[in-house]
């Protein structure tokens, strides 16, 4: 239940920040191997995989997981001053 709550909160925070920062509907906190697939998937179906101090660290960890076949796509979302790595559930 904690993962679901955290995932929903992370997604909501990302969308709110994107709207506040850009004034548009684009989510600027998402880095993914497949941007189209991530936008279609929405917040459901994702689980927390790690927390990082910078977006670059999160993206590097996500890319490493894609490279070694652990997952096909990922998201890095800013949540409570940390970058959370989200992977498909």
N, C-alpha and C. Protein backbone atom coordinates (compact mmCIF):
# COMPACT_ATOMS: atom_id res chain seq x y z
N UNK A 1 0.82 -1.19 0.00
CA UNK A 1 0.00 0.00 0.00
C UNK A 1 0.87 1.26 0.00
N UNK A 2 2.00 1.20 0.72
CA UNK A 2 2.89 2.35 0.78
C UNK A 2 3.42 2.70 -0.61
N UNK A 3 3.79 1.68 -1.39
CA UNK A 3 4.31 1.93 -2.73
C UNK A 3 3.26 2.60 -3.61
N UNK A 4 2.01 2.14 -3.51
CA UNK A 4 0.94 2.72 -4.30
C UNK A 4 0.71 4.18 -3.92
N UNK A 5 0.69 4.46 -2.63
CA UNK A 5 0.50 5.83 -2.15
C UNK A 5 1.65 6.72 -2.60
N UNK A 6 2.88 6.22 -2.45
CA UNK A 6 4.06 6.99 -2.84
C UNK A 6 4.07 7.22 -4.36
N UNK A 7 3.70 6.21 -5.13
CA UNK A 7 3.65 6.34 -6.59
C UNK A 7 2.64 7.40 -6.99
N UNK A 8 1.46 7.35 -6.40
CA UNK A 8 0.43 8.33 -6.73
C UNK A 8 0.86 9.74 -6.33
N UNK A 9 1.48 9.86 -5.16
CA UNK A 9 1.94 11.17 -4.71
C UNK A 9 3.05 11.70 -5.61
N UNK A 10 3.95 10.81 -6.03
CA UNK A 10 5.04 11.22 -6.92
C UNK A 10 4.50 11.70 -8.26
N UNK A 11 3.55 10.98 -8.81
CA UNK A 11 2.96 11.35 -10.10
C UNK A 11 2.23 12.69 -9.98
N UNK A 12 1.46 12.86 -8.91
CA UNK A 12 0.73 14.11 -8.72
C UNK A 12 1.68 15.28 -8.56
N UNK A 13 2.75 15.10 -7.80
CA UNK A 13 3.73 16.16 -7.59
C UNK A 13 4.41 16.53 -8.91
N UNK A 14 4.75 15.54 -9.71
CA UNK A 14 5.39 15.79 -11.00
C UNK A 14 4.50 16.59 -11.93
N UNK A 15 3.25 16.22 -12.01
CA UNK A 15 2.31 16.93 -12.87
C UNK A 15 2.11 18.35 -12.36
N UNK A 16 1.95 18.52 -11.06
CA UNK A 16 1.75 19.86 -10.49
C UNK A 16 2.96 20.74 -10.75
N UNK A 17 4.16 20.19 -10.58
CA UNK A 17 5.37 20.97 -10.83
C UNK A 17 5.49 21.33 -12.30
N UNK A 18 5.19 20.40 -13.17
CA UNK A 18 5.28 20.67 -14.60
C UNK A 18 4.34 21.79 -15.00
N UNK A 19 3.13 21.73 -14.50
CA UNK A 19 2.16 22.78 -14.83
C UNK A 19 2.59 24.12 -14.26
N UNK A 20 3.12 24.11 -13.06
CA UNK A 20 3.56 25.35 -12.43
C UNK A 20 4.77 25.94 -13.14
N UNK A 21 5.69 25.09 -13.56
CA UNK A 21 6.92 25.57 -14.18
C UNK A 21 6.76 25.94 -15.65
N UNK A 22 5.95 25.18 -16.35
CA UNK A 22 5.86 25.40 -17.79
C UNK A 22 4.55 26.02 -18.23
N UNK A 23 3.52 25.87 -17.43
CA UNK A 23 2.20 26.35 -17.82
C UNK A 23 1.58 25.49 -18.91
N UNK A 24 2.20 24.35 -19.19
CA UNK A 24 1.70 23.45 -20.22
C UNK A 24 1.44 22.09 -19.61
N UNK A 25 0.95 21.18 -20.42
CA UNK A 25 0.62 19.86 -19.92
C UNK A 25 1.77 18.88 -19.91
N UNK A 26 2.95 19.28 -20.31
CA UNK A 26 4.08 18.36 -20.37
C UNK A 26 4.65 18.11 -18.98
N UNK A 27 5.00 16.87 -18.69
CA UNK A 27 5.61 16.54 -17.41
C UNK A 27 7.11 16.63 -17.58
N UNK A 28 7.72 17.61 -16.93
CA UNK A 28 9.15 17.84 -17.10
C UNK A 28 9.99 16.98 -16.17
N UNK A 29 9.37 16.28 -15.23
CA UNK A 29 10.14 15.47 -14.29
C UNK A 29 10.30 14.03 -14.76
N UNK A 30 9.93 13.73 -15.98
CA UNK A 30 10.00 12.36 -16.47
C UNK A 30 11.18 12.19 -17.41
N UNK A 31 12.00 11.21 -17.13
CA UNK A 31 13.05 10.79 -18.05
C UNK A 31 12.80 9.31 -18.30
N UNK A 32 12.65 8.93 -19.53
CA UNK A 32 12.29 7.54 -19.80
C UNK A 32 12.92 7.05 -21.08
N UNK A 33 13.08 5.74 -21.16
CA UNK A 33 13.61 5.14 -22.37
C UNK A 33 12.58 5.18 -23.48
N UNK A 34 11.32 5.26 -23.12
CA UNK A 34 10.24 5.30 -24.09
C UNK A 34 9.20 6.31 -23.63
N UNK A 35 9.37 7.56 -24.00
CA UNK A 35 8.50 8.64 -23.53
C UNK A 35 7.05 8.40 -23.91
N UNK A 36 6.80 7.90 -25.11
CA UNK A 36 5.41 7.67 -25.53
C UNK A 36 4.76 6.59 -24.67
N UNK A 37 5.47 5.52 -24.40
CA UNK A 37 4.92 4.44 -23.58
C UNK A 37 4.67 4.92 -22.15
N UNK A 38 5.56 5.75 -21.62
CA UNK A 38 5.40 6.24 -20.25
C UNK A 38 4.19 7.14 -20.13
N UNK A 39 3.97 8.00 -21.11
CA UNK A 39 2.82 8.89 -21.03
C UNK A 39 1.51 8.12 -21.15
N UNK A 40 1.51 7.03 -21.89
CA UNK A 40 0.31 6.21 -22.02
C UNK A 40 0.05 5.41 -20.74
N UNK A 41 1.11 4.99 -20.05
CA UNK A 41 0.97 4.14 -18.88
C UNK A 41 0.39 4.90 -17.69
N UNK A 42 0.69 6.18 -17.58
CA UNK A 42 0.21 6.96 -16.45
C UNK A 42 0.89 6.54 -15.17
N UNK A 43 0.34 6.92 -14.04
CA UNK A 43 0.95 6.64 -12.75
C UNK A 43 0.74 5.20 -12.30
N UNK A 44 -0.33 4.56 -12.75
CA UNK A 44 -0.60 3.19 -12.34
C UNK A 44 0.34 2.23 -13.04
N UNK A 45 0.70 1.18 -12.35
CA UNK A 45 1.57 0.18 -12.94
C UNK A 45 3.05 0.46 -12.76
N UNK A 46 3.41 1.42 -11.91
CA UNK A 46 4.80 1.77 -11.67
C UNK A 46 5.12 1.52 -10.21
N UNK A 47 6.36 1.13 -9.93
CA UNK A 47 6.78 0.93 -8.55
C UNK A 47 8.11 1.63 -8.28
N UNK A 48 8.32 1.97 -7.04
CA UNK A 48 9.53 2.67 -6.59
C UNK A 48 10.72 1.72 -6.64
N UNK A 49 11.85 2.18 -7.21
CA UNK A 49 13.03 1.35 -7.31
C UNK A 49 14.26 1.97 -6.66
N UNK A 50 14.20 3.25 -6.29
CA UNK A 50 15.34 3.88 -5.66
C UNK A 50 15.17 5.38 -5.59
N UNK A 51 15.99 6.02 -4.76
CA UNK A 51 15.93 7.47 -4.58
C UNK A 51 17.33 8.04 -4.73
N UNK A 52 17.45 9.15 -5.44
CA UNK A 52 18.75 9.73 -5.76
C UNK A 52 18.76 11.22 -5.48
N UNK A 53 19.94 11.74 -5.20
CA UNK A 53 20.09 13.15 -4.88
C UNK A 53 19.97 14.09 -6.07
N UNK A 54 20.30 13.59 -7.26
CA UNK A 54 20.23 14.42 -8.46
C UNK A 54 19.50 13.67 -9.57
N UNK A 55 18.98 14.45 -10.52
CA UNK A 55 18.31 13.84 -11.66
C UNK A 55 19.30 13.01 -12.48
N UNK A 56 20.53 13.49 -12.60
CA UNK A 56 21.54 12.77 -13.38
C UNK A 56 21.83 11.39 -12.79
N UNK A 57 21.88 11.28 -11.45
CA UNK A 57 22.10 9.98 -10.81
C UNK A 57 20.93 9.04 -11.08
N UNK A 58 19.72 9.58 -11.01
CA UNK A 58 18.52 8.78 -11.27
C UNK A 58 18.51 8.27 -12.71
N UNK A 59 18.79 9.15 -13.65
CA UNK A 59 18.80 8.77 -15.06
C UNK A 59 19.90 7.73 -15.32
N UNK A 60 21.06 7.90 -14.70
CA UNK A 60 22.14 6.92 -14.87
C UNK A 60 21.71 5.55 -14.35
N UNK A 61 21.05 5.51 -13.20
CA UNK A 61 20.56 4.24 -12.65
C UNK A 61 19.49 3.64 -13.55
N UNK A 62 18.59 4.48 -14.06
CA UNK A 62 17.56 4.00 -14.97
C UNK A 62 18.14 3.45 -16.25
N UNK A 63 19.11 4.17 -16.82
CA UNK A 63 19.77 3.71 -18.04
C UNK A 63 20.52 2.40 -17.81
N UNK A 64 21.14 2.26 -16.64
CA UNK A 64 21.86 1.03 -16.31
C UNK A 64 20.89 -0.15 -16.27
N UNK A 65 19.71 0.05 -15.70
CA UNK A 65 18.71 -1.01 -15.65
C UNK A 65 18.21 -1.39 -17.03
N UNK A 66 18.07 -0.41 -17.92
CA UNK A 66 17.66 -0.69 -19.30
C UNK A 66 18.77 -1.48 -20.00
N UNK A 67 20.02 -1.05 -19.80
CA UNK A 67 21.16 -1.71 -20.45
C UNK A 67 21.32 -3.16 -20.02
N UNK A 68 21.10 -3.44 -18.72
CA UNK A 68 21.29 -4.82 -18.27
C UNK A 68 20.02 -5.67 -18.35
N UNK A 69 18.93 -5.08 -18.90
CA UNK A 69 17.71 -5.83 -19.13
C UNK A 69 16.80 -5.97 -17.92
N UNK A 70 17.07 -5.21 -16.86
CA UNK A 70 16.22 -5.30 -15.67
C UNK A 70 14.83 -4.72 -15.91
N UNK A 71 14.75 -3.71 -16.77
CA UNK A 71 13.47 -3.11 -17.16
C UNK A 71 13.62 -2.47 -18.53
N UNK A 72 12.52 -2.24 -19.20
CA UNK A 72 12.55 -1.69 -20.56
C UNK A 72 12.38 -0.17 -20.56
N UNK A 73 11.82 0.38 -19.48
CA UNK A 73 11.60 1.81 -19.39
C UNK A 73 11.60 2.22 -17.93
N UNK A 74 11.70 3.50 -17.68
CA UNK A 74 11.73 4.01 -16.32
C UNK A 74 11.30 5.47 -16.30
N UNK A 75 11.08 5.97 -15.09
CA UNK A 75 10.77 7.38 -14.88
C UNK A 75 11.61 7.88 -13.72
N UNK A 76 12.03 9.11 -13.80
CA UNK A 76 12.67 9.79 -12.68
C UNK A 76 11.76 10.95 -12.31
N UNK A 77 11.23 10.92 -11.09
CA UNK A 77 10.28 11.93 -10.66
C UNK A 77 10.78 12.62 -9.40
N UNK A 78 10.73 13.93 -9.38
CA UNK A 78 11.13 14.70 -8.21
C UNK A 78 10.06 14.56 -7.14
N UNK A 79 10.48 14.10 -5.94
CA UNK A 79 9.55 13.92 -4.82
C UNK A 79 10.29 14.25 -3.53
N UNK A 80 9.79 15.24 -2.82
CA UNK A 80 10.37 15.67 -1.54
C UNK A 80 11.88 15.89 -1.65
N UNK A 81 12.29 16.70 -2.61
CA UNK A 81 13.69 17.10 -2.83
C UNK A 81 14.62 15.93 -3.19
N UNK A 82 14.09 14.80 -3.62
CA UNK A 82 14.86 13.65 -4.07
C UNK A 82 14.29 13.18 -5.41
N UNK A 83 15.13 12.55 -6.23
CA UNK A 83 14.69 12.00 -7.51
C UNK A 83 14.41 10.52 -7.31
N UNK A 84 13.15 10.12 -7.47
CA UNK A 84 12.74 8.73 -7.32
C UNK A 84 12.75 8.02 -8.67
N UNK A 85 13.38 6.87 -8.71
CA UNK A 85 13.39 6.02 -9.90
C UNK A 85 12.17 5.13 -9.85
N UNK A 86 11.34 5.22 -10.85
CA UNK A 86 10.11 4.43 -10.94
C UNK A 86 10.26 3.49 -12.13
N UNK A 87 9.91 2.22 -11.91
CA UNK A 87 9.98 1.22 -12.97
C UNK A 87 8.63 0.53 -13.12
N UNK A 88 8.36 -0.10 -14.25
CA UNK A 88 7.08 -0.79 -14.43
C UNK A 88 6.90 -1.88 -13.36
N UNK A 89 5.69 -1.98 -12.85
CA UNK A 89 5.39 -2.99 -11.81
C UNK A 89 5.31 -4.37 -12.40
